[in-house]
Amino acid sequence: MKRITLLILISLGVYIVLYAQNLDQIDIVRVDSISTTHGSESHFMGNVHVNHSIPGGHPSNISGGIITFEPGTRTVWHSHPKGQRVVIIQGIGWVQQWGSPKIEVRLGDVIWIPPNVKHWHGATETTGVSHYALAEIHEGTNVENMEPVTDIQYR
């Protein structure tokens, strides 16, 4: 009896997730409906533009967007509970894991940052960079922001 009840509850949950949200239909987000905002000071240092093309939570737990860093700008130190995938789509930038040297990244590079790894990424001092970032939401968040990257750490 417990197995049947459990199977019914699981089936009901699957139905709600798959059909109540119209997941059987293609969903297109048109470019003119995507908002671009100035990056928050709690997340970024300098002039950064964030294009919110994949809002988290609908219909999956993936969030993402295009982040454009002007020369000399960067994120704060941060980590992602489920990791992060970054695809460089323009320019030259840097990425650095805590305790390791920074690494130059260029157009077409695909970066995987493992879960809970403290890191930062952004533009070089002289060249801007844009990247597509994807991260999974876990317990309501996809990022833990930490302290700013100092100028000494950045250079």
C-alpha atoms as a PDB file:
ATOM      1  CA  MET A   1       0.000   0.000   0.000  1.00  0.00           C
ATOM      2  CA  LYS A   2       2.851   2.402   0.836  1.00  0.00           C
ATOM      3  CA  ARG A   3       4.458   1.715  -2.570  1.00  0.00           C
ATOM      4  CA  ILE A   4       1.207   2.445  -4.413  1.00  0.00           C
ATOM      5  CA  THR A   5       0.722   5.688  -2.476  1.00  0.00           C
ATOM      6  CA  LEU A   6       4.324   6.691  -3.184  1.00  0.00           C
ATOM      7  CA  LEU A   7       3.921   5.894  -6.903  1.00  0.00           C
ATOM      8  CA  ILE A   8       0.716   7.938  -7.071  1.00  0.00           C
ATOM      9  CA  LEU A   9       2.416  10.909  -5.379  1.00  0.00           C
ATOM     10  CA  ILE A  10       5.429  10.667  -7.684  1.00  0.00           C
ATOM     11  CA  SER A  11       3.160  10.433 -10.737  1.00  0.00           C
ATOM     12  CA  LEU A  12       1.161  13.442  -9.572  1.00  0.00           C
ATOM     13  CA  GLY A  13       4.367  15.416  -9.022  1.00  0.00           C
ATOM     14  CA  VAL A  14       5.664  14.520 -12.488  1.00  0.00           C
ATOM     15  CA  TYR A  15       2.318  15.532 -14.018  1.00  0.00           C
ATOM     16  CA  ILE A  16       2.351  18.908 -12.267  1.00  0.00           C
ATOM     17  CA  VAL A  17       5.938  19.618 -13.280  1.00  0.00           C
ATOM     18  CA  LEU A  18       5.557  18.540 -16.904  1.00  0.00           C
ATOM     19  CA  TYR A  19       2.039  19.544 -17.847  1.00  0.00           C
ATOM     20  CA  ALA A  20       0.809  22.208 -15.479  1.00  0.00           C
ATOM     21  CA  GLN A  21       3.630  24.485 -16.689  1.00  0.00           C
ATOM     22  CA  ASN A  22       2.910  23.866 -20.416  1.00  0.00           C
ATOM     23  CA  LEU A  23       6.246  22.168 -20.903  1.00  0.00           C
ATOM     24  CA  ASP A  24       4.873  20.341 -23.878  1.00  0.00           C
ATOM     25  CA  GLN A  25       5.037  23.603 -25.857  1.00  0.00           C
ATOM     26  CA  ILE A  26       8.049  25.387 -27.308  1.00  0.00           C
ATOM     27  CA  ASP A  27       8.731  28.640 -25.461  1.00  0.00           C
ATOM     28  CA  ILE A  28      10.539  31.435 -27.289  1.00  0.00           C
ATOM     29  CA  VAL A  29      11.811  34.527 -25.500  1.00  0.00           C
ATOM     30  CA  ARG A  30      12.067  37.298 -28.084  1.00  0.00           C
ATOM     31  CA  VAL A  31      15.180  39.464 -27.987  1.00  0.00           C
ATOM     32  CA  ASP A  32      13.158  42.675 -27.554  1.00  0.00           C
ATOM     33  CA  SER A  33      11.623  41.304 -24.352  1.00  0.00           C
ATOM     34  CA  ILE A  34      14.940  40.519 -22.649  1.00  0.00           C
ATOM     35  CA  SER A  35      15.994  43.083 -20.079  1.00  0.00           C
ATOM     36  CA  THR A  36      19.535  44.389 -19.775  1.00  0.00           C
ATOM     37  CA  THR A  37      20.563  46.012 -16.515  1.00  0.00           C
ATOM     38  CA  HIS A  38      23.645  47.550 -14.980  1.00  0.00           C
ATOM     39  CA  GLY A  39      25.483  44.964 -12.873  1.00  0.00           C
ATOM     40  CA  SER A  40      24.903  45.230  -9.134  1.00  0.00           C
ATOM     41  CA  GLU A  41      27.764  46.477  -6.939  1.00  0.00           C
ATOM     42  CA  SER A  42      27.307  43.395  -4.750  1.00  0.00           C
ATOM     43  CA  HIS A  43      28.202  41.188  -7.761  1.00  0.00           C
ATOM     44  CA  PHE A  44      30.510  43.291  -9.932  1.00  0.00           C
ATOM     45  CA  MET A  45      33.268  45.882  -9.761  1.00  0.00           C
ATOM     46  CA  GLY A  46      33.050  48.498 -12.501  1.00  0.00           C
ATOM     47  CA  ASN A  47      30.770  49.013 -15.489  1.00  0.00           C
ATOM     48  CA  VAL A  48      29.052  45.718 -16.308  1.00  0.00           C
ATOM     49  CA  HIS A  49      25.880  45.046 -18.306  1.00  0.00           C
ATOM     50  CA  VAL A  50      23.740  41.980 -17.584  1.00  0.00           C
ATOM     51  CA  ASN A  51      21.331  40.566 -20.170  1.00  0.00           C
ATOM     52  CA  HIS A  52      18.854  38.324 -18.317  1.00  0.00           C
ATOM     53  CA  SER A  53      17.995  35.928 -21.136  1.00  0.00           C
ATOM     54  CA  ILE A  54      17.297  32.851 -18.981  1.00  0.00           C
ATOM     55  CA  PRO A  55      15.472  33.751 -15.771  1.00  0.00           C
ATOM     56  CA  GLY A  56      15.899  31.036 -13.182  1.00  0.00           C
ATOM     57  CA  GLY A  57      13.129  28.742 -12.125  1.00  0.00           C
ATOM     58  CA  HIS A  58      11.045  28.594 -15.292  1.00  0.00           C
ATOM     59  CA  PRO A  59      10.765  25.954 -16.441  1.00  0.00           C
ATOM     60  CA  SER A  60      14.032  24.562 -15.078  1.00  0.00           C
ATOM     61  CA  ASN A  61      16.516  25.440 -12.370  1.00  0.00           C
ATOM     62  CA  ILE A  62      18.994  26.876 -14.879  1.00  0.00           C
ATOM     63  CA  SER A  63      19.551  30.622 -14.996  1.00  0.00           C
ATOM     64  CA  GLY A  64      21.784  32.481 -17.361  1.00  0.00           C
ATOM     65  CA  GLY A  65      22.523  35.458 -19.472  1.00  0.00           C
ATOM     66  CA  ILE A  66      25.073  37.493 -21.340  1.00  0.00           C
ATOM     67  CA  ILE A  67      27.418  39.501 -19.144  1.00  0.00           C
ATOM     68  CA  THR A  68      29.432  42.301 -20.769  1.00  0.00           C
ATOM     69  CA  PHE A  69      32.435  43.669 -18.900  1.00  0.00           C
ATOM     70  CA  GLU A  70      34.067  46.917 -19.986  1.00  0.00           C
ATOM     71  CA  PRO A  71      37.899  47.023 -19.745  1.00  0.00           C
ATOM     72  CA  GLY A  72      39.081  46.868 -16.134  1.00  0.00           C
ATOM     73  CA  THR A  73      35.836  45.415 -14.716  1.00  0.00           C
ATOM     74  CA  ARG A  74      35.250  42.104 -12.979  1.00  0.00           C
ATOM     75  CA  THR A  75      33.062  40.111 -10.623  1.00  0.00           C
ATOM     76  CA  VAL A  76      33.666  39.929  -6.900  1.00  0.00           C
ATOM     77  CA  TRP A  77      35.037  36.673  -5.526  1.00  0.00           C
ATOM     78  CA  HIS A  78      32.132  34.247  -5.609  1.00  0.00           C
ATOM     79  CA  SER A  79      31.103  30.606  -5.942  1.00  0.00           C
ATOM     80  CA  HIS A  80      28.153  28.661  -7.337  1.00  0.00           C
ATOM     81  CA  PRO A  81      26.502  25.828  -5.376  1.00  0.00           C
ATOM     82  CA  LYS A  82      26.046  23.715  -8.517  1.00  0.00           C
ATOM     83  CA  GLY A  83      28.950  25.107 -10.562  1.00  0.00           C
ATOM     84  CA  GLN A  84      28.937  27.458 -13.536  1.00  0.00           C
ATOM     85  CA  ARG A  85      29.512  27.173 -17.281  1.00  0.00           C
ATOM     86  CA  VAL A  86      30.917  30.277 -19.022  1.00  0.00           C
ATOM     87  CA  VAL A  87      31.253  30.657 -22.809  1.00  0.00           C
ATOM     88  CA  ILE A  88      33.329  33.594 -24.070  1.00  0.00           C
ATOM     89  CA  ILE A  89      31.449  35.250 -26.937  1.00  0.00           C
ATOM     90  CA  GLN A  90      33.511  38.404 -27.444  1.00  0.00           C
ATOM     91  CA  GLY A  91      36.807  39.949 -26.379  1.00  0.00           C
ATOM     92  CA  ILE A  92      39.521  38.827 -23.978  1.00  0.00           C
ATOM     93  CA  GLY A  93      39.105  38.252 -20.269  1.00  0.00           C
ATOM     94  CA  TRP A  94      40.532  36.640 -17.189  1.00  0.00           C
ATOM     95  CA  VAL A  95      39.305  33.946 -14.811  1.00  0.00           C
ATOM     96  CA  GLN A  96      40.956  32.999 -11.535  1.00  0.00           C
ATOM     97  CA  GLN A  97      40.345  30.340  -8.928  1.00  0.00           C
ATOM     98  CA  TRP A  98      41.287  31.225  -5.351  1.00  0.00           C
ATOM     99  CA  GLY A  99      44.926  30.291  -4.731  1.00  0.00           C
ATOM    100  CA  SER A 100      45.759  29.833  -8.446  1.00  0.00           C
ATOM    101  CA  PRO A 101      47.100  32.200 -11.107  1.00  0.00           C
ATOM    102  CA  LYS A 102      44.621  34.027 -13.330  1.00  0.00           C
ATOM    103  CA  ILE A 103      44.096  32.590 -16.812  1.00  0.00           C
ATOM    104  CA  GLU A 104      43.428  34.484 -20.036  1.00  0.00           C
ATOM    105  CA  VAL A 105      40.246  33.479 -21.873  1.00  0.00           C
ATOM    106  CA  ARG A 106      39.249  34.359 -25.448  1.00  0.00           C
ATOM    107  CA  LEU A 107      36.410  34.125 -27.946  1.00  0.00           C
ATOM    108  CA  GLY A 108      35.065  30.569 -28.121  1.00  0.00           C
ATOM    109  CA  ASP A 109      36.617  29.347 -24.853  1.00  0.00           C
ATOM    110  CA  VAL A 110      34.249  27.315 -22.664  1.00  0.00           C
ATOM    111  CA  ILE A 111      34.989  27.359 -18.925  1.00  0.00           C
ATOM    112  CA  TRP A 112      33.627  24.985 -16.275  1.00  0.00           C
ATOM    113  CA  ILE A 113      33.812  26.221 -12.689  1.00  0.00           C
ATOM    114  CA  PRO A 114      33.080  23.349 -10.282  1.00  0.00           C
ATOM    115  CA  PRO A 115      30.553  23.678  -7.441  1.00  0.00           C
ATOM    116  CA  ASN A 116      31.598  25.855  -4.505  1.00  0.00           C
ATOM    117  CA  VAL A 117      34.939  26.885  -6.066  1.00  0.00           C
ATOM    118  CA  LYS A 118      35.815  30.455  -5.084  1.00  0.00           C
ATOM    119  CA  HIS A 119      36.698  32.436  -8.229  1.00  0.00           C
ATOM    120  CA  TRP A 120      36.283  35.647 -10.186  1.00  0.00           C
ATOM    121  CA  HIS A 121      36.128  36.502 -13.891  1.00  0.00           C
ATOM    122  CA  GLY A 122      35.992  39.631 -16.004  1.00  0.00           C
ATOM    123  CA  ALA A 123      37.707  41.825 -18.572  1.00  0.00           C
ATOM    124  CA  THR A 124      41.420  42.484 -18.846  1.00  0.00           C
ATOM    125  CA  GLU A 125      42.699  45.960 -18.004  1.00  0.00           C
ATOM    126  CA  THR A 126      42.631  47.002 -21.672  1.00  0.00           C
ATOM    127  CA  THR A 127      40.066  44.743 -23.390  1.00  0.00           C
ATOM    128  CA  GLY A 128      36.407  44.164 -22.647  1.00  0.00           C
ATOM    129  CA  VAL A 129      34.836  40.715 -22.660  1.00  0.00           C
ATOM    130  CA  SER A 130      31.349  39.268 -22.996  1.00  0.00           C
ATOM    131  CA  HIS A 131      30.365  35.810 -21.907  1.00  0.00           C
ATOM    132  CA  TYR A 132      27.308  33.651 -21.659  1.00  0.00           C
ATOM    133  CA  ALA A 133      27.003  32.329 -18.113  1.00  0.00           C
ATOM    134  CA  LEU A 134      24.823  29.405 -17.005  1.00  0.00           C
ATOM    135  CA  ALA A 135      24.322  28.253 -13.426  1.00  0.00           C
ATOM    136  CA  GLU A 136      21.844  25.972 -11.712  1.00  0.00           C
ATOM    137  CA  ILE A 137      19.761  27.307  -8.844  1.00  0.00           C
ATOM    138  CA  HIS A 138      20.101  25.394  -5.569  1.00  0.00           C
ATOM    139  CA  GLU A 139      17.978  26.216  -2.531  1.00  0.00           C
ATOM    140  CA  GLY A 140      16.890  29.515  -4.039  1.00  0.00           C
ATOM    141  CA  THR A 141      20.247  30.836  -5.253  1.00  0.00           C
ATOM    142  CA  ASN A 142      22.840  30.241  -7.939  1.00  0.00           C
ATOM    143  CA  VAL A 143      25.668  32.314  -6.468  1.00  0.00           C
ATOM    144  CA  GLU A 144      27.358  33.184  -3.190  1.00  0.00           C
ATOM    145  CA  ASN A 145      29.055  36.568  -3.464  1.00  0.00           C
ATOM    146  CA  MET A 146      32.117  37.189  -1.319  1.00  0.00           C
ATOM    147  CA  GLU A 147      34.669  39.958  -0.942  1.00  0.00           C
ATOM    148  CA  PRO A 148      35.805  42.284  -3.738  1.00  0.00           C
ATOM    149  CA  VAL A 149      38.802  41.333  -5.872  1.00  0.00           C
ATOM    150  CA  THR A 150      41.527  43.783  -4.865  1.00  0.00           C
ATOM    151  CA  ASP A 151      43.466  45.746  -7.448  1.00  0.00           C
ATOM    152  CA  ILE A 152      46.583  43.755  -6.487  1.00  0.00           C
ATOM    153  CA  GLN A 153      44.770  40.441  -7.068  1.00  0.00           C
ATOM    154  CA  TYR A 154      43.332  41.733 -10.342  1.00  0.00           C
ATOM    155  CA  ARG A 155      46.628  42.956 -11.817  1.00  0.00           C
END
